[in-house]
């Protein structure tokens, strides 16, 4: 699974946290790409349901704006 965001969505460092990595900030940091995005990849089994959020600088948690499935404050994705 590749998580990607536009560069301008969050300033500074940004990582993805969720039930797949025990919500560890910084464990899956999104890296700048030449195509104007930042991304990281995580290996998960097909059919897995993920709860996740992105963590920007200053402890700012936010959801993926392109994913409509939200449960409480978490984004929900099925791989």
PDB file of N, CA and C in Angstrom:
ATOM      1  N   UNK A   1       0.855  -1.166   0.000  1.00  0.00           N
ATOM      2  CA  UNK A   1       0.000   0.000   0.000  1.00  0.00           C
ATOM      3  C   UNK A   1       0.900   1.227   0.000  1.00  0.00           C
ATOM      4  N   UNK A   2       0.653   2.141  -0.915  1.00  0.00           N
ATOM      5  CA  UNK A   2       1.401   3.393  -0.952  1.00  0.00           C
ATOM      6  C   UNK A   2       0.501   4.523  -0.495  1.00  0.00           C
ATOM      7  N   UNK A   3       0.972   5.273   0.465  1.00  0.00           N
ATOM      8  CA  UNK A   3       0.287   6.457   0.959  1.00  0.00           C
ATOM      9  C   UNK A   3       0.950   7.660   0.325  1.00  0.00           C
ATOM     10  N   UNK A   4       0.170   8.543  -0.285  1.00  0.00           N
ATOM     11  CA  UNK A   4       0.736   9.712  -0.959  1.00  0.00           C
ATOM     12  C   UNK A   4      -0.131  10.934  -0.705  1.00  0.00           C
ATOM     13  N   UNK A   5       0.524  12.065  -0.547  1.00  0.00           N
ATOM     14  CA  UNK A   5      -0.149  13.354  -0.347  1.00  0.00           C
ATOM     15  C   UNK A   5       0.541  14.408  -1.193  1.00  0.00           C
ATOM     16  N   UNK A   6      -0.189  15.436  -1.636  1.00  0.00           N
ATOM     17  CA  UNK A   6       0.470  16.562  -2.302  1.00  0.00           C
ATOM     18  C   UNK A   6       1.419  17.258  -1.332  1.00  0.00           C
ATOM     19  N   UNK A   7       2.523  17.788  -1.839  1.00  0.00           N
ATOM     20  CA  UNK A   7       3.511  18.460  -0.986  1.00  0.00           C
ATOM     21  C   UNK A   7       2.905  19.594  -0.172  1.00  0.00           C
ATOM     22  N   UNK A   8       1.996  20.360  -0.737  1.00  0.00           N
ATOM     23  CA  UNK A   8       1.445  21.522  -0.061  1.00  0.00           C
ATOM     24  C   UNK A   8       0.416  21.221   1.005  1.00  0.00           C
ATOM     25  N   UNK A   9       0.005  19.966   1.149  1.00  0.00           N
ATOM     26  CA  UNK A   9      -1.041  19.644   2.118  1.00  0.00           C
ATOM     27  C   UNK A   9      -0.565  19.797   3.561  1.00  0.00           C
ATOM     28  N   UNK A  10       0.684  19.502   3.813  1.00  0.00           N
ATOM     29  CA  UNK A  10       1.242  19.650   5.160  1.00  0.00           C
ATOM     30  C   UNK A  10       2.661  20.191   5.027  1.00  0.00           C
ATOM     31  N   UNK A  11       2.981  21.159   5.841  1.00  0.00           N
ATOM     32  CA  UNK A  11       4.336  21.693   5.818  1.00  0.00           C
ATOM     33  C   UNK A  11       5.218  20.890   6.758  1.00  0.00           C
ATOM     34  N   UNK A  12       6.486  20.856   6.475  1.00  0.00           N
ATOM     35  CA  UNK A  12       7.417  20.120   7.329  1.00  0.00           C
ATOM     36  C   UNK A  12       7.271  18.622   7.194  1.00  0.00           C
ATOM     37  N   UNK A  13       7.720  17.917   8.214  1.00  0.00           N
ATOM     38  CA  UNK A  13       7.688  16.460   8.197  1.00  0.00           C
ATOM     39  C   UNK A  13       6.260  15.944   8.337  1.00  0.00           C
ATOM     40  N   UNK A  14       6.021  14.769   7.755  1.00  0.00           N
ATOM     41  CA  UNK A  14       4.695  14.171   7.797  1.00  0.00           C
ATOM     42  C   UNK A  14       4.847  12.652   7.780  1.00  0.00           C
ATOM     43  N   UNK A  15       4.050  11.969   8.591  1.00  0.00           N
ATOM     44  CA  UNK A  15       4.077  10.509   8.604  1.00  0.00           C
ATOM     45  C   UNK A  15       2.651   9.984   8.633  1.00  0.00           C
ATOM     46  N   UNK A  16       2.508   8.703   8.365  1.00  0.00           N
ATOM     47  CA  UNK A  16       1.200   8.058   8.441  1.00  0.00           C
ATOM     48  C   UNK A  16       1.234   7.091   9.614  1.00  0.00           C
ATOM     49  N   UNK A  17       0.182   7.129  10.397  1.00  0.00           N
ATOM     50  CA  UNK A  17       0.069   6.223  11.534  1.00  0.00           C
ATOM     51  C   UNK A  17      -1.277   5.541  11.497  1.00  0.00           C
ATOM     52  N   UNK A  18      -1.321   4.336  12.024  1.00  0.00           N
ATOM     53  CA  UNK A  18      -2.582   3.609  12.035  1.00  0.00           C
ATOM     54  C   UNK A  18      -2.460   2.301  12.770  1.00  0.00           C
ATOM     55  N   UNK A  19      -3.518   1.505  12.663  1.00  0.00           N
ATOM     56  CA  UNK A  19      -3.504   0.218  13.336  1.00  0.00           C
ATOM     57  C   UNK A  19      -2.474  -0.739  12.742  1.00  0.00           C
ATOM     58  N   UNK A  20      -1.984  -0.462  11.550  1.00  0.00           N
ATOM     59  CA  UNK A  20      -0.984  -1.311  10.901  1.00  0.00           C
ATOM     60  C   UNK A  20       0.424  -1.087  11.450  1.00  0.00           C
ATOM     61  N   UNK A  21       0.661   0.018  12.159  1.00  0.00           N
ATOM     62  CA  UNK A  21       1.984   0.288  12.744  1.00  0.00           C
ATOM     63  C   UNK A  21       1.884   0.743  14.206  1.00  0.00           C
ATOM     64  N   UNK A  22       0.808   0.336  14.852  1.00  0.00           N
ATOM     65  CA  UNK A  22       0.573   0.669  16.263  1.00  0.00           C
ATOM     66  C   UNK A  22       0.554   2.168  16.523  1.00  0.00           C
ATOM     67  N   UNK A  23       0.154   2.942  15.520  1.00  0.00           N
ATOM     68  CA  UNK A  23       0.025   4.398  15.631  1.00  0.00           C
ATOM     69  C   UNK A  23       1.336   5.063  16.035  1.00  0.00           C
ATOM     70  N   UNK A  24       2.454   4.531  15.607  1.00  0.00           N
ATOM     71  CA  UNK A  24       3.765   5.098  15.957  1.00  0.00           C
ATOM     72  C   UNK A  24       4.106   6.287  15.071  1.00  0.00           C
ATOM     73  N   UNK A  25       4.122   7.479  15.621  1.00  0.00           N
ATOM     74  CA  UNK A  25       4.504   8.657  14.846  1.00  0.00           C
ATOM     75  C   UNK A  25       5.923   8.522  14.299  1.00  0.00           C
ATOM     76  N   UNK A  26       6.101   8.866  13.040  1.00  0.00           N
ATOM     77  CA  UNK A  26       7.419   8.859  12.423  1.00  0.00           C
ATOM     78  C   UNK A  26       7.864   7.514  11.881  1.00  0.00           C
ATOM     79  N   UNK A  27       7.169   6.452  12.215  1.00  0.00           N
ATOM     80  CA  UNK A  27       7.601   5.129  11.742  1.00  0.00           C
ATOM     81  C   UNK A  27       7.526   5.027  10.219  1.00  0.00           C
ATOM     82  N   UNK A  28       6.502   5.587   9.622  1.00  0.00           N
ATOM     83  CA  UNK A  28       6.350   5.589   8.168  1.00  0.00           C
ATOM     84  C   UNK A  28       6.258   7.042   7.687  1.00  0.00           C
ATOM     85  N   UNK A  29       7.413   7.680   7.654  1.00  0.00           N
ATOM     86  CA  UNK A  29       7.479   9.077   7.233  1.00  0.00           C
ATOM     87  C   UNK A  29       7.328   9.180   5.711  1.00  0.00           C
ATOM     88  N   UNK A  30       6.540  10.142   5.281  1.00  0.00           N
ATOM     89  CA  UNK A  30       6.367  10.380   3.853  1.00  0.00           C
ATOM     90  C   UNK A  30       7.549  11.187   3.342  1.00  0.00           C
ATOM     91  N   UNK A  31       8.154  10.736   2.262  1.00  0.00           N
ATOM     92  CA  UNK A  31       9.336  11.380   1.664  1.00  0.00           C
ATOM     93  C   UNK A  31       8.937  12.160   0.425  1.00  0.00           C
ATOM     94  N   UNK A  32       9.621  13.277   0.208  1.00  0.00           N
ATOM     95  CA  UNK A  32       9.369  14.112  -0.969  1.00  0.00           C
ATOM     96  C   UNK A  32       9.731  13.375  -2.240  1.00  0.00           C
ATOM     97  N   UNK A  33       8.881  13.481  -3.250  1.00  0.00           N
ATOM     98  CA  UNK A  33       9.100  12.874  -4.562  1.00  0.00           C
ATOM     99  C   UNK A  33       9.193  13.977  -5.613  1.00  0.00           C
ATOM    100  N   UNK A  34       9.811  13.675  -6.728  1.00  0.00           N
ATOM    101  CA  UNK A  34       9.985  14.668  -7.800  1.00  0.00           C
ATOM    102  C   UNK A  34       8.680  14.988  -8.517  1.00  0.00           C
ATOM    103  N   UNK A  35       7.636  14.182  -8.305  1.00  0.00           N
ATOM    104  CA  UNK A  35       6.359  14.420  -8.987  1.00  0.00           C
ATOM    105  C   UNK A  35       5.429  15.357  -8.215  1.00  0.00           C
ATOM    106  N   UNK A  36       5.942  16.024  -7.178  1.00  0.00           N
ATOM    107  CA  UNK A  36       5.125  16.981  -6.424  1.00  0.00           C
ATOM    108  C   UNK A  36       4.325  16.363  -5.291  1.00  0.00           C
ATOM    109  N   UNK A  37       4.665  15.160  -4.908  1.00  0.00           N
ATOM    110  CA  UNK A  37       3.992  14.503  -3.789  1.00  0.00           C
ATOM    111  C   UNK A  37       5.027  14.085  -2.750  1.00  0.00           C
ATOM    112  N   UNK A  38       4.542  13.568  -1.664  1.00  0.00           N
ATOM    113  CA  UNK A  38       5.365  12.870  -0.686  1.00  0.00           C
ATOM    114  C   UNK A  38       4.660  11.547  -0.434  1.00  0.00           C
ATOM    115  N   UNK A  39       5.426  10.482  -0.233  1.00  0.00           N
ATOM    116  CA  UNK A  39       4.805   9.170  -0.092  1.00  0.00           C
ATOM    117  C   UNK A  39       5.660   8.218   0.731  1.00  0.00           C
ATOM    118  N   UNK A  40       5.022   7.132   1.140  1.00  0.00           N
ATOM    119  CA  UNK A  40       5.679   6.005   1.798  1.00  0.00           C
ATOM    120  C   UNK A  40       4.878   4.757   1.481  1.00  0.00           C
ATOM    121  N   UNK A  41       5.509   3.614   1.557  1.00  0.00           N
ATOM    122  CA  UNK A  41       4.830   2.347   1.283  1.00  0.00           C
ATOM    123  C   UNK A  41       4.867   1.449   2.502  1.00  0.00           C
ATOM    124  N   UNK A  42       3.798   0.692   2.665  1.00  0.00           N
ATOM    125  CA  UNK A  42       3.642  -0.239   3.771  1.00  0.00           C
ATOM    126  C   UNK A  42       3.122  -1.554   3.191  1.00  0.00           C
ATOM    127  N   UNK A  43       3.659  -2.668   3.655  1.00  0.00           N
ATOM    128  CA  UNK A  43       3.195  -3.975   3.187  1.00  0.00           C
ATOM    129  C   UNK A  43       2.054  -4.454   4.072  1.00  0.00           C
ATOM    130  N   UNK A  44       0.898  -4.676   3.454  1.00  0.00           N
ATOM    131  CA  UNK A  44      -0.263  -5.237   4.145  1.00  0.00           C
ATOM    132  C   UNK A  44      -0.931  -6.237   3.202  1.00  0.00           C
ATOM    133  N   UNK A  45      -1.652  -7.180   3.766  1.00  0.00           N
ATOM    134  CA  UNK A  45      -2.329  -8.200   2.967  1.00  0.00           C
ATOM    135  C   UNK A  45      -3.552  -7.624   2.265  1.00  0.00           C
ATOM    136  N   UNK A  46      -3.809  -8.117   1.063  1.00  0.00           N
ATOM    137  CA  UNK A  46      -4.982  -7.709   0.296  1.00  0.00           C
ATOM    138  C   UNK A  46      -6.241  -8.008   1.108  1.00  0.00           C
ATOM    139  N   UNK A  47      -7.192  -7.078   1.093  1.00  0.00           N
ATOM    140  CA  UNK A  47      -8.426  -7.225   1.843  1.00  0.00           C
ATOM    141  C   UNK A  47      -8.361  -6.677   3.256  1.00  0.00           C
ATOM    142  N   UNK A  48      -7.192  -6.201   3.678  1.00  0.00           N
ATOM    143  CA  UNK A  48      -7.024  -5.656   5.022  1.00  0.00           C
ATOM    144  C   UNK A  48      -7.746  -4.317   5.149  1.00  0.00           C
ATOM    145  N   UNK A  49      -8.440  -4.133   6.262  1.00  0.00           N
ATOM    146  CA  UNK A  49      -9.114  -2.865   6.565  1.00  0.00           C
ATOM    147  C   UNK A  49      -8.189  -2.069   7.476  1.00  0.00           C
ATOM    148  N   UNK A  50      -7.830  -0.864   7.049  1.00  0.00           N
ATOM    149  CA  UNK A  50      -6.887  -0.026   7.788  1.00  0.00           C
ATOM    150  C   UNK A  50      -7.571   1.195   8.391  1.00  0.00           C
ATOM    151  N   UNK A  51      -7.212   1.513   9.623  1.00  0.00           N
ATOM    152  CA  UNK A  51      -7.577   2.787  10.263  1.00  0.00           C
ATOM    153  C   UNK A  51      -6.302   3.602  10.274  1.00  0.00           C
ATOM    154  N   UNK A  52      -6.370   4.839   9.812  1.00  0.00           N
ATOM    155  CA  UNK A  52      -5.156   5.633   9.740  1.00  0.00           C
ATOM    156  C   UNK A  52      -5.448   7.123   9.797  1.00  0.00           C
ATOM    157  N   UNK A  53      -4.384   7.871  10.056  1.00  0.00           N
ATOM    158  CA  UNK A  53      -4.378   9.328   9.981  1.00  0.00           C
ATOM    159  C   UNK A  53      -2.957   9.739   9.659  1.00  0.00           C
ATOM    160  N   UNK A  54      -2.824  10.957   9.192  1.00  0.00           N
ATOM    161  CA  UNK A  54      -1.498  11.520   8.930  1.00  0.00           C
ATOM    162  C   UNK A  54      -1.131  12.438  10.083  1.00  0.00           C
ATOM    163  N   UNK A  55       0.161  12.500  10.377  1.00  0.00           N
ATOM    164  CA  UNK A  55       0.660  13.361  11.440  1.00  0.00           C
ATOM    165  C   UNK A  55       1.641  14.352  10.844  1.00  0.00           C
ATOM    166  N   UNK A  56       1.265  15.628  10.900  1.00  0.00           N
ATOM    167  CA  UNK A  56       2.140  16.689  10.425  1.00  0.00           C
ATOM    168  C   UNK A  56       2.923  17.284  11.585  1.00  0.00           C
ATOM    169  N   UNK A  57       3.662  18.321  11.267  1.00  0.00           N
ATOM    170  CA  UNK A  57       4.456  19.014  12.291  1.00  0.00           C
ATOM    171  C   UNK A  57       3.550  19.537  13.407  1.00  0.00           C
ATOM    172  N   UNK A  58       4.123  19.709  14.569  1.00  0.00           N
ATOM    173  CA  UNK A  58       3.438  20.269  15.742  1.00  0.00           C
ATOM    174  C   UNK A  58       2.287  19.397  16.239  1.00  0.00           C
ATOM    175  N   UNK A  59       2.344  18.089  15.970  1.00  0.00           N
ATOM    176  CA  UNK A  59       1.321  17.183  16.478  1.00  0.00           C
ATOM    177  C   UNK A  59      -0.023  17.305  15.802  1.00  0.00           C
ATOM    178  N   UNK A  60      -0.059  17.830  14.589  1.00  0.00           N
ATOM    179  CA  UNK A  60      -1.303  18.040  13.859  1.00  0.00           C
ATOM    180  C   UNK A  60      -1.717  16.773  13.114  1.00  0.00           C
ATOM    181  N   UNK A  61      -2.681  16.014  13.658  1.00  0.00           N
ATOM    182  CA  UNK A  61      -3.223  14.828  12.998  1.00  0.00           C
ATOM    183  C   UNK A  61      -4.293  15.257  12.009  1.00  0.00           C
ATOM    184  N   UNK A  62      -4.326  14.634  10.832  1.00  0.00           N
ATOM    185  CA  UNK A  62      -5.360  14.946   9.843  1.00  0.00           C
ATOM    186  C   UNK A  62      -5.641  13.733   8.966  1.00  0.00           C
ATOM    187  N   UNK A  63      -6.813  13.749   8.332  1.00  0.00           N
ATOM    188  CA  UNK A  63      -7.237  12.666   7.453  1.00  0.00           C
ATOM    189  C   UNK A  63      -6.844  12.941   6.013  1.00  0.00           C
ATOM    190  N   UNK A  64      -6.848  11.892   5.214  1.00  0.00           N
ATOM    191  CA  UNK A  64      -6.597  12.013   3.783  1.00  0.00           C
ATOM    192  C   UNK A  64      -7.815  12.689   3.158  1.00  0.00           C
ATOM    193  N   UNK A  65      -7.640  13.851   2.524  1.00  0.00           N
ATOM    194  CA  UNK A  65      -8.786  14.569   1.954  1.00  0.00           C
ATOM    195  C   UNK A  65      -9.431  13.848   0.775  1.00  0.00           C
ATOM    196  N   UNK A  66      -8.759  12.861   0.194  1.00  0.00           N
ATOM    197  CA  UNK A  66      -9.301  12.136  -0.954  1.00  0.00           C
ATOM    198  C   UNK A  66     -10.042  10.861  -0.571  1.00  0.00           C
ATOM    199  N   UNK A  67     -10.123  10.565   0.723  1.00  0.00           N
ATOM    200  CA  UNK A  67     -10.820   9.360   1.180  1.00  0.00           C
ATOM    201  C   UNK A  67     -12.047   9.773   1.969  1.00  0.00           C
ATOM    202  N   UNK A  68     -13.220   9.336   1.500  1.00  0.00           N
ATOM    203  CA  UNK A  68     -14.480   9.742   2.125  1.00  0.00           C
ATOM    204  C   UNK A  68     -14.870   8.854   3.303  1.00  0.00           C
ATOM    205  N   UNK A  69     -14.332   7.641   3.389  1.00  0.00           N
ATOM    206  CA  UNK A  69     -14.724   6.715   4.443  1.00  0.00           C
ATOM    207  C   UNK A  69     -13.990   7.062   5.739  1.00  0.00           C
ATOM    208  N   UNK A  70     -14.733   7.618   6.694  1.00  0.00           N
ATOM    209  CA  UNK A  70     -14.183   8.037   7.974  1.00  0.00           C
ATOM    210  C   UNK A  70     -15.019   7.423   9.089  1.00  0.00           C
ATOM    211  N   UNK A  71     -14.342   6.933  10.124  1.00  0.00           N
ATOM    212  CA  UNK A  71     -15.012   6.391  11.298  1.00  0.00           C
ATOM    213  C   UNK A  71     -14.478   7.149  12.502  1.00  0.00           C
ATOM    214  N   UNK A  72     -15.307   7.980  13.094  1.00  0.00           N
ATOM    215  CA  UNK A  72     -14.822   8.848  14.166  1.00  0.00           C
ATOM    216  C   UNK A  72     -13.840   9.832  13.581  1.00  0.00           C
ATOM    217  N   UNK A  73     -12.621   9.835  14.091  1.00  0.00           N
ATOM    218  CA  UNK A  73     -11.615  10.765  13.563  1.00  0.00           C
ATOM    219  C   UNK A  73     -10.631  10.065  12.636  1.00  0.00           C
ATOM    220  N   UNK A  74     -10.848   8.784  12.314  1.00  0.00           N
ATOM    221  CA  UNK A  74      -9.899   8.018  11.509  1.00  0.00           C
ATOM    222  C   UNK A  74     -10.384   7.807  10.075  1.00  0.00           C
ATOM    223  N   UNK A  75      -9.433   7.821   9.148  1.00  0.00           N
ATOM    224  CA  UNK A  75      -9.696   7.430   7.776  1.00  0.00           C
ATOM    225  C   UNK A  75      -9.730   5.903   7.727  1.00  0.00           C
ATOM    226  N   UNK A  76     -10.649   5.346   6.941  1.00  0.00           N
ATOM    227  CA  UNK A  76     -10.761   3.904   6.773  1.00  0.00           C
ATOM    228  C   UNK A  76     -10.478   3.551   5.316  1.00  0.00           C
ATOM    229  N   UNK A  77      -9.553   2.614   5.114  1.00  0.00           N
ATOM    230  CA  UNK A  77      -9.226   2.115   3.772  1.00  0.00           C
ATOM    231  C   UNK A  77      -9.256   0.600   3.793  1.00  0.00           C
ATOM    232  N   UNK A  78      -9.742   0.010   2.704  1.00  0.00           N
ATOM    233  CA  UNK A  78      -9.648  -1.436   2.525  1.00  0.00           C
ATOM    234  C   UNK A  78      -8.726  -1.637   1.327  1.00  0.00           C
ATOM    235  N   UNK A  79      -7.654  -2.387   1.557  1.00  0.00           N
ATOM    236  CA  UNK A  79      -6.630  -2.598   0.526  1.00  0.00           C
ATOM    237  C   UNK A  79      -7.114  -3.652  -0.452  1.00  0.00           C
TER     238      UNK A  79
END
